[in-house]
Amino acid sequence: MLKLDIFSDPICPWCYIGKTYLDRALEQAPTPPFIVEWHPFQLNPDMAPGGQDRRAYLAAKFGGPGGVTRADDTVEAAARAAGIEIDSARIPTIPNTLNAHRLIHWAGLEECQTAVVGALFRAHFREGRNIGDANTLADIAAANGMDREVTLRLLATDADLNDIRARDAHARSRGVNAVPTYLIANQYVLQGAQPADLWQQVIAEITQSPES
């Protein structure tokens, strides 16, 4: 198996859509082709710790309510095409995702990282839950086999904060400027929500390679 490093943010809709396509391709693979690791990249690293009203934030970004509606329609249509639901109207807040990235890191240590990433996407995009909230993150941790109380205690500290920030900065220094970004075997880069058939081609090439 080859290493697949994924740079992502759990409030990035294209990361959610991209994960869906990748999961579909992996389900069709005869054997697991990748060892997957998720890496932090904050779309809004300067977001206030408590987050910001979503519509106000996006209206400023996209030039008013009309721009928000157009952006939401585009994302929701792409999600439907991928076979998932994104319910923009249910998302009240753009959270600061630093703590969510800490949870993803800890989930990696407990070998449930991809499951936690998927749960964060669903919580934000389908359920409208605030994934910047410590209790919400602890609930997601517990639902995926992690210890809820330990997670809460860690979130109340500065554990791994500097490490997450440093890893984000390191990714940017290596040229990651948008997510999702996929790094295969530390050599090949894919960016964006790539369709399942492209991933199937990549997996076929990997499994047929004499070096694989």
Foldseek 3Di string as FASTA:
>chain_A
DWEKEWEDFLVDLQQLLLVLQLVVLCVPDPDRLYDYAYAYAWPCQPADLAFAFDQVVVCVVQVHNVRVVVVVVVSQVSQVVSPHGFDVVLAGGDHNCLLVRVLLVVVVVVVQNVVLSNVSNCCVGPVNHHNSDQQVSLVSQVVRPHHSVVSSVVSVDCPCSVVNVVRNVVCVVVPPDDPGWMQINVHDIDHTSDGNVVSNVVSVCSVPDPVD
